[in-house]
Each structure stands twice: as C-alpha cells, then as structure tokens.
C-alpha cells in the first residue's frame, strides 16, 4: 500500500500540473486539455485538476467531456461550490440552459450569495 502511494506521488509531476494551469490561463485550449488530462490521470490525489480539465474542455468546446470531468469531481465532492460553478458554466456554454439553471438552483441552495451563480442567472 505504501509503495503504491509513493508510486502515485512520484508519477505526479508538478511541472505537468503547472504547465497545464499556465496553458489554461493563456487560453491555449488544445494544449491545456492534453496537459491537464495527463496531470489529472497521474495525480489522483489532486481532484481539483478535474475542474481545471473541465474548464479547459469547455474552452475547447468539448462539452460532453467537460461535463463528465465536472461530474466526476462532484461525485466525490457534491457540495463543492467551485465544482457546481464549473458544471453550470459547461452547461451554459453548451447552450443547455435548463440543465444550467438546475445546477444554479442547487448552487444557490448551498450559498445564496454565490457571485458566479448570481451572475449566470442574470
């Protein structure tokens, strides 16, 4: 068990993670998706990478994959406001407005003052 954990930690390359984040900030969608997909697969102890992958996939207009990544994160963290914002945004960008609204209602149920949710509803 310890050896497997050490192997996972060794496989998680910080340069891969940071490179993916940098590409996402620079809005280089294709490259960010490739890098963040590798990072998310090799760094399972960092589930937040799934949200960054979902953001990159949304930017790349790969909405089905973005929704899958966001839902995968939310399956482990169902009350994550950040996860719900990313999921709502993917629905919105995919023009799935009814689904987006359902996620926003859920999000506002957790935090009625969530600025991202309030802005998306406007």
N, C-alpha and C. Protein backbone atom coordinates (compact mmCIF):
# COMPACT_ATOMS: atom_id res chain seq x y z
N UNK A 1 0.82 -1.19 0.00
CA UNK A 1 0.00 0.00 0.00
C UNK A 1 0.87 1.26 0.00
N UNK A 2 1.87 1.30 0.84
CA UNK A 2 2.75 2.46 0.92
C UNK A 2 3.53 2.61 -0.39
N UNK A 3 3.99 1.49 -0.95
CA UNK A 3 4.73 1.55 -2.21
C UNK A 3 3.85 2.10 -3.32
N UNK A 4 2.58 1.70 -3.36
CA UNK A 4 1.66 2.20 -4.39
C UNK A 4 1.43 3.70 -4.23
N UNK A 5 1.30 4.15 -2.99
CA UNK A 5 1.11 5.58 -2.73
C UNK A 5 2.34 6.37 -3.16
N UNK A 6 3.51 5.85 -2.85
CA UNK A 6 4.74 6.53 -3.25
C UNK A 6 4.87 6.58 -4.76
N UNK A 7 4.45 5.51 -5.43
CA UNK A 7 4.50 5.48 -6.89
C UNK A 7 3.57 6.54 -7.47
N UNK A 8 2.36 6.67 -6.91
CA UNK A 8 1.42 7.69 -7.38
C UNK A 8 1.98 9.09 -7.18
N UNK A 9 2.59 9.32 -6.01
CA UNK A 9 3.17 10.64 -5.74
C UNK A 9 4.32 10.93 -6.69
N UNK A 10 5.12 9.92 -6.98
CA UNK A 10 6.25 10.12 -7.89
C UNK A 10 5.76 10.41 -9.30
N UNK A 11 4.64 9.79 -9.69
CA UNK A 11 4.12 9.97 -11.03
C UNK A 11 3.51 11.35 -11.23
N UNK A 12 3.16 12.02 -10.15
CA UNK A 12 2.53 13.34 -10.22
C UNK A 12 3.62 14.40 -10.40
N UNK A 13 3.82 14.78 -11.63
CA UNK A 13 4.88 15.73 -11.97
C UNK A 13 4.38 17.16 -11.81
N UNK A 14 4.93 17.91 -10.86
CA UNK A 14 4.48 19.30 -10.65
C UNK A 14 4.62 20.16 -11.90
N UNK A 15 5.62 19.87 -12.72
CA UNK A 15 5.80 20.66 -13.94
C UNK A 15 4.63 20.41 -14.91
N UNK A 16 4.13 19.19 -14.94
CA UNK A 16 2.99 18.85 -15.78
C UNK A 16 1.74 19.61 -15.31
N UNK A 17 1.54 19.62 -13.99
CA UNK A 17 0.39 20.32 -13.41
C UNK A 17 0.48 21.81 -13.70
N UNK A 18 1.61 22.40 -13.38
CA UNK A 18 1.77 23.85 -13.58
C UNK A 18 1.73 24.23 -15.05
N UNK A 19 2.28 23.37 -15.90
CA UNK A 19 2.22 23.63 -17.34
C UNK A 19 0.80 23.66 -17.84
N UNK A 20 -0.01 22.72 -17.37
CA UNK A 20 -1.42 22.69 -17.76
C UNK A 20 -2.16 23.92 -17.27
N UNK A 21 -1.88 24.33 -16.04
CA UNK A 21 -2.52 25.53 -15.49
C UNK A 21 -2.11 26.78 -16.27
N UNK A 22 -0.84 26.85 -16.62
CA UNK A 22 -0.36 28.00 -17.38
C UNK A 22 -1.04 28.08 -18.74
N UNK A 23 -1.13 26.94 -19.40
CA UNK A 23 -1.78 26.90 -20.71
C UNK A 23 -3.26 27.28 -20.61
N UNK A 24 -3.91 26.87 -19.54
CA UNK A 24 -5.31 27.24 -19.33
C UNK A 24 -5.43 28.75 -19.13
N UNK A 25 -4.56 29.32 -18.30
CA UNK A 25 -4.57 30.79 -18.09
C UNK A 25 -4.34 31.53 -19.40
N UNK A 26 -3.50 30.96 -20.26
CA UNK A 26 -3.21 31.58 -21.56
C UNK A 26 -4.28 31.26 -22.60
N UNK A 27 -5.28 30.50 -22.19
CA UNK A 27 -6.41 30.14 -23.04
C UNK A 27 -5.99 29.33 -24.28
N UNK A 28 -4.94 28.53 -24.12
CA UNK A 28 -4.49 27.62 -25.18
C UNK A 28 -5.19 26.28 -24.94
N UNK A 29 -6.43 26.22 -25.40
CA UNK A 29 -7.33 25.14 -25.02
C UNK A 29 -6.81 23.74 -25.37
N UNK A 30 -6.42 23.51 -26.61
CA UNK A 30 -5.97 22.16 -27.02
C UNK A 30 -4.81 21.68 -26.16
N UNK A 31 -3.80 22.51 -26.03
CA UNK A 31 -2.62 22.13 -25.27
C UNK A 31 -2.96 21.97 -23.79
N UNK A 32 -3.81 22.84 -23.26
CA UNK A 32 -4.21 22.74 -21.86
C UNK A 32 -4.95 21.43 -21.60
N UNK A 33 -5.83 21.06 -22.51
CA UNK A 33 -6.58 19.80 -22.35
C UNK A 33 -5.61 18.62 -22.29
N UNK A 34 -4.68 18.57 -23.23
CA UNK A 34 -3.72 17.45 -23.25
C UNK A 34 -2.93 17.38 -21.94
N UNK A 35 -2.43 18.52 -21.52
CA UNK A 35 -1.58 18.57 -20.32
C UNK A 35 -2.39 18.27 -19.05
N UNK A 36 -3.56 18.87 -18.94
CA UNK A 36 -4.36 18.66 -17.73
C UNK A 36 -4.96 17.25 -17.68
N UNK A 37 -5.23 16.66 -18.82
CA UNK A 37 -5.71 15.27 -18.83
C UNK A 37 -4.62 14.35 -18.28
N UNK A 38 -3.39 14.56 -18.73
CA UNK A 38 -2.27 13.76 -18.19
C UNK A 38 -2.09 14.02 -16.70
N UNK A 39 -2.16 15.28 -16.31
CA UNK A 39 -1.99 15.63 -14.90
C UNK A 39 -3.08 15.01 -14.05
N UNK A 40 -4.34 15.10 -14.48
CA UNK A 40 -5.45 14.53 -13.70
C UNK A 40 -5.31 13.02 -13.58
N UNK A 41 -4.87 12.36 -14.65
CA UNK A 41 -4.70 10.91 -14.61
C UNK A 41 -3.55 10.50 -13.70
N UNK A 42 -2.47 11.28 -13.71
CA UNK A 42 -1.29 10.90 -12.93
C UNK A 42 -1.30 11.46 -11.51
N UNK A 43 -2.25 12.33 -11.21
CA UNK A 43 -2.30 12.95 -9.87
C UNK A 43 -3.69 12.77 -9.24
N UNK A 44 -4.13 11.55 -9.02
CA UNK A 44 -5.47 11.35 -8.47
C UNK A 44 -5.66 11.95 -7.08
N UNK A 45 -4.56 12.24 -6.39
CA UNK A 45 -4.66 12.85 -5.08
C UNK A 45 -4.95 14.35 -5.17
N UNK A 46 -5.05 14.88 -6.38
CA UNK A 46 -5.39 16.28 -6.61
C UNK A 46 -6.67 16.36 -7.45
N UNK A 47 -7.83 16.07 -6.85
CA UNK A 47 -9.06 16.03 -7.63
C UNK A 47 -9.44 17.37 -8.24
N UNK A 48 -8.91 18.46 -7.72
CA UNK A 48 -9.19 19.77 -8.31
C UNK A 48 -8.72 19.88 -9.75
N UNK A 49 -7.78 19.02 -10.13
CA UNK A 49 -7.32 19.03 -11.52
C UNK A 49 -8.45 18.66 -12.48
N UNK A 50 -9.42 17.88 -11.99
CA UNK A 50 -10.58 17.56 -12.84
C UNK A 50 -11.38 18.82 -13.18
N UNK A 51 -11.44 19.75 -12.23
CA UNK A 51 -12.15 21.00 -12.51
C UNK A 51 -11.40 21.84 -13.53
N UNK A 52 -10.10 21.88 -13.40
CA UNK A 52 -9.30 22.63 -14.37
C UNK A 52 -9.39 21.97 -15.75
N UNK A 53 -9.41 20.65 -15.76
CA UNK A 53 -9.60 19.93 -17.03
C UNK A 53 -10.97 20.26 -17.61
N UNK A 54 -12.00 20.28 -16.78
CA UNK A 54 -13.34 20.62 -17.25
C UNK A 54 -13.38 22.03 -17.83
N UNK A 55 -12.68 22.96 -17.20
CA UNK A 55 -12.61 24.33 -17.72
C UNK A 55 -11.93 24.36 -19.08
N UNK A 56 -10.82 23.63 -19.19
CA UNK A 56 -10.10 23.60 -20.47
C UNK A 56 -10.95 22.95 -21.55
N UNK A 57 -11.64 21.88 -21.20
CA UNK A 57 -12.51 21.21 -22.17
C UNK A 57 -13.66 22.12 -22.61
N UNK A 58 -14.20 22.90 -21.68
CA UNK A 58 -15.26 23.85 -22.03
C UNK A 58 -14.71 24.91 -22.97
N UNK A 59 -13.53 25.42 -22.67
CA UNK A 59 -12.89 26.41 -23.53
C UNK A 59 -12.65 25.82 -24.92
N UNK A 60 -12.36 24.54 -24.96
CA UNK A 60 -12.10 23.83 -26.22
C UNK A 60 -13.39 23.38 -26.91
N UNK A 61 -14.51 23.71 -26.30
CA UNK A 61 -15.84 23.40 -26.81
C UNK A 61 -16.12 21.90 -26.89
N UNK A 62 -15.46 21.14 -26.03
CA UNK A 62 -15.70 19.71 -25.90
C UNK A 62 -16.61 19.52 -24.68
N UNK A 63 -17.88 19.87 -24.86
CA UNK A 63 -18.80 19.99 -23.75
C UNK A 63 -19.13 18.66 -23.08
N UNK A 64 -19.28 17.61 -23.85
CA UNK A 64 -19.60 16.31 -23.24
C UNK A 64 -18.50 15.87 -22.29
N UNK A 65 -17.25 16.00 -22.73
CA UNK A 65 -16.11 15.64 -21.87
C UNK A 65 -16.00 16.58 -20.68
N UNK A 66 -16.27 17.86 -20.88
CA UNK A 66 -16.23 18.83 -19.78
C UNK A 66 -17.25 18.47 -18.71
N UNK A 67 -18.44 18.14 -19.15
CA UNK A 67 -19.49 17.75 -18.21
C UNK A 67 -19.10 16.48 -17.45
N UNK A 68 -18.50 15.52 -18.16
CA UNK A 68 -18.06 14.29 -17.50
C UNK A 68 -17.00 14.57 -16.43
N UNK A 69 -16.04 15.42 -16.76
CA UNK A 69 -14.97 15.74 -15.80
C UNK A 69 -15.54 16.45 -14.57
N UNK A 70 -16.44 17.40 -14.79
CA UNK A 70 -17.03 18.13 -13.67
C UNK A 70 -17.87 17.20 -12.81
N UNK A 71 -18.63 16.32 -13.44
CA UNK A 71 -19.46 15.37 -12.67
C UNK A 71 -18.60 14.38 -11.90
N UNK A 72 -17.49 13.98 -12.51
CA UNK A 72 -16.57 13.06 -11.81
C UNK A 72 -16.05 13.71 -10.53
N UNK A 73 -15.68 14.98 -10.63
CA UNK A 73 -15.23 15.70 -9.44
C UNK A 73 -16.36 15.79 -8.42
N UNK A 74 -17.56 16.17 -8.89
CA UNK A 74 -18.69 16.37 -7.98
C UNK A 74 -19.16 15.06 -7.34
N UNK A 75 -18.90 13.93 -7.97
CA UNK A 75 -19.29 12.66 -7.35
C UNK A 75 -18.55 12.46 -6.03
N UNK A 76 -17.34 12.99 -5.94
CA UNK A 76 -16.57 12.89 -4.70
C UNK A 76 -16.75 14.11 -3.79
N UNK A 77 -17.17 15.23 -4.38
CA UNK A 77 -17.31 16.49 -3.63
C UNK A 77 -18.64 17.16 -4.00
N UNK A 78 -19.76 16.55 -3.62
CA UNK A 78 -21.06 17.03 -4.10
C UNK A 78 -21.46 18.43 -3.62
N UNK A 79 -20.84 18.93 -2.57
CA UNK A 79 -21.18 20.25 -2.06
C UNK A 79 -20.15 21.31 -2.45
N UNK A 80 -19.32 21.00 -3.41
CA UNK A 80 -18.29 21.94 -3.85
C UNK A 80 -18.90 23.05 -4.70
N UNK A 81 -18.83 24.26 -4.21
CA UNK A 81 -19.34 25.39 -4.98
C UNK A 81 -18.55 25.57 -6.27
N UNK A 82 -17.23 25.42 -6.19
CA UNK A 82 -16.40 25.56 -7.39
C UNK A 82 -16.79 24.51 -8.43
N UNK A 83 -17.01 23.28 -7.98
CA UNK A 83 -17.41 22.22 -8.90
C UNK A 83 -18.75 22.51 -9.56
N UNK A 84 -19.69 23.04 -8.79
CA UNK A 84 -21.00 23.37 -9.35
C UNK A 84 -20.92 24.54 -10.31
N UNK A 85 -20.07 25.50 -10.03
CA UNK A 85 -19.88 26.63 -10.96
C UNK A 85 -19.32 26.13 -12.29
N UNK A 86 -18.33 25.26 -12.23
CA UNK A 86 -17.73 24.72 -13.46
C UNK A 86 -18.77 23.91 -14.24
N UNK A 87 -19.57 23.11 -13.54
CA UNK A 87 -20.61 22.32 -14.20
C UNK A 87 -21.66 23.24 -14.84
N UNK A 88 -22.10 24.24 -14.11
CA UNK A 88 -23.09 25.18 -14.65
C UNK A 88 -22.54 25.90 -15.87
N UNK A 89 -21.30 26.31 -15.81
CA UNK A 89 -20.69 27.02 -16.94
C UNK A 89 -20.61 26.12 -18.17
N UNK A 90 -20.25 24.86 -17.97
CA UNK A 90 -20.19 23.93 -19.11
C UNK A 90 -21.57 23.76 -19.74
N UNK A 91 -22.60 23.64 -18.90
CA UNK A 91 -23.97 23.55 -19.43
C UNK A 91 -24.34 24.83 -20.18
N UNK A 92 -23.99 25.96 -19.60
CA UNK A 92 -24.31 27.24 -20.23
C UNK A 92 -23.64 27.38 -21.59
N UNK A 93 -22.35 27.09 -21.65
CA UNK A 93 -21.60 27.21 -22.89
C UNK A 93 -22.10 26.22 -23.95
N UNK A 94 -22.62 25.08 -23.49
CA UNK A 94 -23.18 24.08 -24.40
C UNK A 94 -24.62 24.44 -24.79
N UNK A 95 -25.09 25.57 -24.31
CA UNK A 95 -26.45 26.05 -24.55
C UNK A 95 -27.50 25.08 -24.00
N UNK A 96 -27.15 24.45 -22.91
CA UNK A 96 -28.08 23.58 -22.19
C UNK A 96 -28.61 24.39 -21.00
N UNK A 97 -29.43 25.36 -21.31
CA UNK A 97 -29.83 26.36 -20.32
C UNK A 97 -30.70 25.79 -19.20
N UNK A 98 -31.52 24.83 -19.52
CA UNK A 98 -32.36 24.23 -18.48
C UNK A 98 -31.50 23.48 -17.46
N UNK A 99 -30.53 22.71 -17.95
CA UNK A 99 -29.61 22.00 -17.05
C UNK A 99 -28.76 22.98 -16.25
N UNK A 100 -28.32 24.04 -16.91
CA UNK A 100 -27.55 25.07 -16.22
C UNK A 100 -28.36 25.64 -15.06
N UNK A 101 -29.62 25.95 -15.31
CA UNK A 101 -30.49 26.52 -14.29
C UNK A 101 -30.65 25.57 -13.10
N UNK A 102 -30.77 24.28 -13.36
CA UNK A 102 -30.90 23.29 -12.28
C UNK A 102 -29.66 23.31 -11.39
N UNK A 103 -28.49 23.39 -12.03
CA UNK A 103 -27.24 23.41 -11.26
C UNK A 103 -27.15 24.71 -10.45
N UNK A 104 -27.57 25.82 -11.05
CA UNK A 104 -27.53 27.10 -10.33
C UNK A 104 -28.46 27.09 -9.12
N UNK A 105 -29.62 26.50 -9.26
CA UNK A 105 -30.55 26.39 -8.12
C UNK A 105 -29.89 25.58 -7.00
N UNK A 106 -29.25 24.48 -7.38
CA UNK A 106 -28.54 23.66 -6.39
C UNK A 106 -27.43 24.45 -5.72
N UNK A 107 -26.68 25.20 -6.51
CA UNK A 107 -25.57 26.00 -6.00
C UNK A 107 -26.07 27.10 -5.07
N UNK A 108 -27.11 27.79 -5.46
CA UNK A 108 -27.66 28.85 -4.62
C UNK A 108 -28.30 28.29 -3.36
N UNK A 109 -28.70 27.03 -3.40
CA UNK A 109 -29.18 26.37 -2.18
C UNK A 109 -28.06 26.18 -1.17
N UNK A 110 -26.85 26.01 -1.66
CA UNK A 110 -25.69 25.89 -0.78
C UNK A 110 -25.22 27.25 -0.29
N UNK A 111 -25.27 28.23 -1.18
CA UNK A 111 -24.79 29.57 -0.85
C UNK A 111 -25.58 30.58 -1.67
N UNK A 112 -26.54 31.20 -1.04
CA UNK A 112 -27.44 32.13 -1.76
C UNK A 112 -26.73 33.38 -2.24
N UNK A 113 -25.49 33.58 -1.84
CA UNK A 113 -24.74 34.77 -2.24
C UNK A 113 -23.58 34.44 -3.18
N UNK A 114 -23.59 33.26 -3.76
CA UNK A 114 -22.52 32.87 -4.67
C UNK A 114 -22.56 33.79 -5.89
N UNK A 115 -21.52 34.59 -6.03
CA UNK A 115 -21.49 35.63 -7.06
C UNK A 115 -21.54 35.03 -8.47
N UNK A 116 -20.81 33.97 -8.70
CA UNK A 116 -20.80 33.37 -10.05
C UNK A 116 -22.20 32.88 -10.42
N UNK A 117 -22.89 32.27 -9.48
CA UNK A 117 -24.23 31.77 -9.76
C UNK A 117 -25.20 32.92 -10.01
N UNK A 118 -25.09 33.96 -9.21
CA UNK A 118 -25.97 35.12 -9.38
C UNK A 118 -25.73 35.79 -10.72
N UNK A 119 -24.47 35.88 -11.13
CA UNK A 119 -24.15 36.50 -12.43
C UNK A 119 -24.67 35.64 -13.59
N UNK A 120 -24.56 34.33 -13.47
CA UNK A 120 -25.04 33.45 -14.55
C UNK A 120 -26.55 33.51 -14.67
N UNK A 121 -27.22 33.72 -13.55
CA UNK A 121 -28.68 33.78 -13.59
C UNK A 121 -29.18 35.08 -14.20
N UNK A 122 -28.39 36.11 -14.14
CA UNK A 122 -28.84 37.44 -14.61
C UNK A 122 -29.09 37.49 -16.09
